[in-house]
Protein backbone atom coordinates (compact mmCIF):
# COMPACT_ATOMS: atom_id res chain seq x y z
CA MET A 1 -62.47 91.43 -87.79
CA VAL A 2 -64.89 94.09 -86.50
CA ILE A 3 -62.10 96.20 -85.01
CA GLN A 4 -60.06 96.00 -88.24
CA LEU A 5 -63.08 97.13 -90.28
CA LEU A 6 -63.79 99.93 -87.81
CA ALA A 7 -60.15 101.04 -87.90
CA THR A 8 -60.24 101.05 -91.71
CA LEU A 9 -63.42 103.14 -91.68
CA ILE A 10 -61.92 105.60 -89.18
CA ARG A 11 -58.76 105.91 -91.32
CA ALA A 12 -60.88 106.57 -94.42
CA VAL A 13 -62.89 109.26 -92.63
CA TRP A 14 -59.68 110.81 -91.28
CA VAL A 15 -58.19 111.06 -94.78
CA SER A 16 -61.43 112.31 -96.34
CA ILE A 17 -61.61 115.18 -93.84
CA GLU A 18 -57.94 116.10 -93.55
CA VAL A 19 -56.94 116.12 -97.24
CA PRO A 20 -59.50 118.76 -98.31
CA TYR A 21 -58.66 120.82 -95.21
CA VAL A 22 -54.97 120.85 -96.12
CA ARG A 23 -55.72 121.78 -99.71
CA ARG A 24 -57.89 124.75 -98.82
CA PHE A 25 -54.95 126.67 -97.34
CA MET A 26 -52.38 125.73 -100.00
CA VAL A 27 -50.23 128.56 -101.30
CA GLN A 28 -47.31 128.67 -103.67
CA PRO A 29 -44.19 129.06 -101.52
CA ARG A 30 -41.58 131.63 -102.49
CA LYS A 31 -38.85 129.36 -101.17
CA ASP A 32 -38.50 125.56 -101.03
CA TRP A 33 -38.74 125.10 -97.28
CA ASP A 34 -40.10 121.55 -97.61
CA LYS A 35 -36.96 119.76 -98.88
CA HIS A 36 -39.07 116.80 -100.12
CA SER A 37 -40.43 116.05 -96.63
CA GLY A 38 -43.95 116.02 -98.06
CA LEU A 39 -42.87 113.35 -100.52
CA LEU A 40 -41.71 111.14 -97.63
CA TRP A 41 -45.09 111.60 -95.95
CA ASP A 42 -46.77 110.62 -99.25
CA ILE A 43 -44.63 107.47 -99.45
CA ALA A 44 -45.69 106.56 -95.89
CA ASN A 45 -49.31 107.10 -96.96
CA ALA A 46 -48.78 104.76 -99.91
CA LEU A 47 -47.23 102.00 -97.76
CA GLU A 48 -49.85 101.97 -95.03
CA PRO A 49 -52.66 100.37 -97.08
CA ILE A 50 -50.36 97.42 -97.85
CA GLY A 51 -50.07 96.76 -94.14
CA MET A 52 -53.82 97.19 -93.71
CA ILE A 53 -54.54 94.66 -96.45
CA LEU A 54 -52.10 92.19 -94.90
CA GLY A 55 -53.86 92.84 -91.58
CA PHE A 56 -56.98 91.18 -92.94
CA THR A 57 -55.00 87.98 -93.60
CA ASP A 58 -53.30 85.48 -91.33
CA ILE A 59 -49.86 86.52 -92.62
CA GLY A 60 -48.01 88.15 -89.71
CA ARG A 61 -50.91 87.78 -87.28
CA ILE A 62 -50.05 88.53 -83.64
CA ARG A 63 -51.74 85.71 -81.74
CA THR A 64 -51.03 86.54 -78.10
CA GLY A 65 -53.51 89.05 -76.68
CA SER A 66 -54.71 90.05 -80.12
CA SER A 67 -58.17 91.24 -79.04
CA LEU A 68 -56.73 93.39 -76.25
CA LEU A 69 -54.06 94.70 -78.63
CA ALA A 70 -56.67 95.51 -81.27
CA SER A 71 -58.84 97.38 -78.76
CA LEU A 72 -55.85 99.32 -77.47
CA GLY A 73 -54.91 100.13 -81.06
CA LEU A 74 -58.37 101.43 -81.89
CA SER A 75 -58.26 103.65 -78.80
CA LEU A 76 -54.84 105.01 -79.79
CA LEU A 77 -56.07 105.63 -83.33
CA VAL A 78 -58.96 107.75 -82.11
CA ALA A 79 -56.85 109.54 -79.46
CA GLY A 80 -54.11 110.29 -81.99
CA ILE A 81 -56.59 111.74 -84.48
CA ALA A 82 -58.10 113.90 -81.73
CA ILE A 83 -54.65 115.22 -80.78
CA ARG A 84 -53.78 115.87 -84.43
CA TRP A 85 -57.03 117.65 -85.23
CA THR A 86 -56.76 119.77 -82.10
CA ALA A 87 -53.27 120.84 -83.17
CA ILE A 88 -54.39 121.47 -86.75
CA HIS A 89 -57.33 123.55 -85.54
CA THR A 90 -54.99 125.60 -83.34
CA LEU A 91 -52.68 126.31 -86.29
CA GLY A 92 -55.61 127.23 -88.54
CA LYS A 93 -54.42 128.68 -91.83
CA TYR A 94 -50.80 128.01 -90.91
CA PHE A 95 -51.29 124.24 -91.13
CA THR A 96 -50.20 123.04 -94.57
CA GLY A 97 -49.30 119.79 -96.30
CA THR A 98 -45.78 121.01 -96.95
CA VAL A 99 -43.29 122.90 -94.86
CA LEU A 100 -43.60 126.57 -95.74
CA ILE A 101 -43.52 129.97 -94.15
CA LYS A 102 -46.36 132.25 -95.22
CA ASP A 103 -45.95 136.01 -95.65
CA ASP A 104 -48.10 136.71 -92.58
CA HIS A 105 -46.82 133.72 -90.62
CA ARG A 106 -46.64 133.93 -86.86
CA LEU A 107 -45.36 131.51 -84.26
CA ILE A 108 -48.25 129.71 -82.52
CA ARG A 109 -47.72 129.06 -78.80
CA ALA A 110 -51.29 128.38 -77.70
CA GLY A 111 -53.18 125.18 -76.95
CA LEU A 112 -51.05 122.05 -77.32
CA TYR A 113 -48.27 124.25 -78.73
CA LYS A 114 -47.66 125.57 -75.21
CA HIS A 115 -46.18 122.17 -74.39
CA LEU A 116 -45.05 120.68 -77.72
CA ARG A 117 -43.54 122.10 -80.87
CA HIS A 118 -45.08 119.40 -83.09
CA PRO A 119 -48.32 118.08 -81.54
CA ALA A 120 -49.84 117.37 -84.97
CA TYR A 121 -46.98 114.91 -85.59
CA THR A 122 -47.45 113.46 -82.11
CA GLY A 123 -51.10 112.86 -82.92
CA ALA A 124 -50.32 111.38 -86.32
CA LEU A 125 -47.69 109.03 -84.88
CA VAL A 126 -50.01 107.87 -82.09
CA ALA A 127 -52.84 107.37 -84.60
CA HIS A 128 -50.69 105.40 -87.05
CA LEU A 129 -49.31 103.26 -84.23
CA GLY A 130 -52.89 102.64 -83.12
CA LEU A 131 -53.98 101.75 -86.63
CA GLY A 132 -51.19 99.19 -86.91
CA LEU A 133 -52.00 97.70 -83.50
CA SER A 134 -55.71 97.52 -84.28
CA PHE A 135 -54.99 94.86 -86.91
CA SER A 136 -52.97 92.73 -84.44
CA ASN A 137 -50.53 92.09 -87.25
CA TRP A 138 -46.77 92.67 -87.42
CA PHE A 139 -46.87 93.88 -91.04
CA SER A 140 -49.71 96.29 -90.31
CA LEU A 141 -47.87 97.57 -87.26
CA VAL A 142 -44.57 98.11 -89.10
CA LEU A 143 -46.08 99.60 -92.28
CA SER A 144 -48.42 101.86 -90.30
CA SER A 145 -45.83 103.25 -87.92
CA VAL A 146 -42.21 103.01 -89.11
CA PRO A 147 -42.58 104.95 -92.40
CA TYR A 148 -44.41 107.75 -90.58
CA LEU A 149 -41.83 107.80 -87.81
CA LEU A 150 -39.04 108.19 -90.37
CA ALA A 151 -40.96 110.80 -92.37
CA ALA A 152 -41.83 112.77 -89.22
CA ALA A 153 -38.25 112.68 -87.94
CA TYR A 154 -36.97 114.15 -91.21
CA ARG A 155 -39.83 116.61 -91.53
CA ILE A 156 -39.36 117.88 -87.98
CA ARG A 157 -35.71 118.69 -88.73
CA VAL A 158 -36.72 120.50 -91.92
CA GLU A 159 -39.55 122.35 -90.20
CA GLU A 160 -37.44 123.42 -87.24
CA LYS A 161 -34.78 124.79 -89.60
CA ALA A 162 -37.43 126.75 -91.51
CA LEU A 163 -39.00 128.11 -88.32
CA SER A 164 -35.60 128.98 -86.88
CA ASP A 165 -34.68 130.83 -90.09
CA ALA A 166 -38.00 132.67 -90.15
CA PHE A 167 -38.36 133.52 -86.45
CA GLY A 168 -34.77 133.50 -85.20
CA GLU A 169 -34.34 133.99 -81.47
CA GLN A 170 -38.09 133.82 -80.89
CA TYR A 171 -38.15 130.21 -82.16
CA ILE A 172 -34.93 129.28 -80.37
CA GLU A 173 -36.43 130.48 -77.08
CA TYR A 174 -39.65 128.56 -77.82
CA SER A 175 -37.54 125.45 -78.51
CA ARG A 176 -35.89 125.74 -75.11
CA GLU A 177 -39.29 125.94 -73.40
CA THR A 178 -40.98 123.02 -75.16
CA LYS A 179 -40.37 119.44 -76.22
CA ARG A 180 -40.78 118.17 -79.77
CA LEU A 181 -43.24 115.29 -79.48
CA ILE A 182 -43.67 113.99 -75.93
CA PRO A 183 -44.39 116.41 -73.06
CA GLY A 184 -41.54 116.48 -70.57
CA LEU A 185 -39.49 113.85 -72.42
CA PHE A 186 -38.68 114.52 -76.04
């Protein structure tokens, strides 16, 4: 129960820091680059608390190795948030809650972006997987990871199209040199 409470607290702190940060750089886009990908992310955010609530019950409890699983999950949650915040910090004002290209936009290839095109999504996916595992519950695991995986997959396609349109050959070359989410693999 302690790990689940700690994971819930960490998730609450994560949201309370990230949401205001995203809002401070919001601009009105001239073009709809987002294609409703932000809405899918919002739906994933709405589903996750259901899994967390179920995680505090016996419904769907994973019994085998649950304390080890919960500890691993908590570690992944913290590691994922660290990866995400490092990527967000690297992007600075170019990190937004929706896919958009700003007037002064430039392609970032420093920090984690030397190796991955979407390290903020990598961090988010690792963190959400960790959150689900920390509850040692099948419902928590599914509702904390699958919706985000689907939202990220769609959003990555939308974002790569926008970046390719905006930066042309420069982005295509960058795509050839880097992986999307997992260094050296994918």
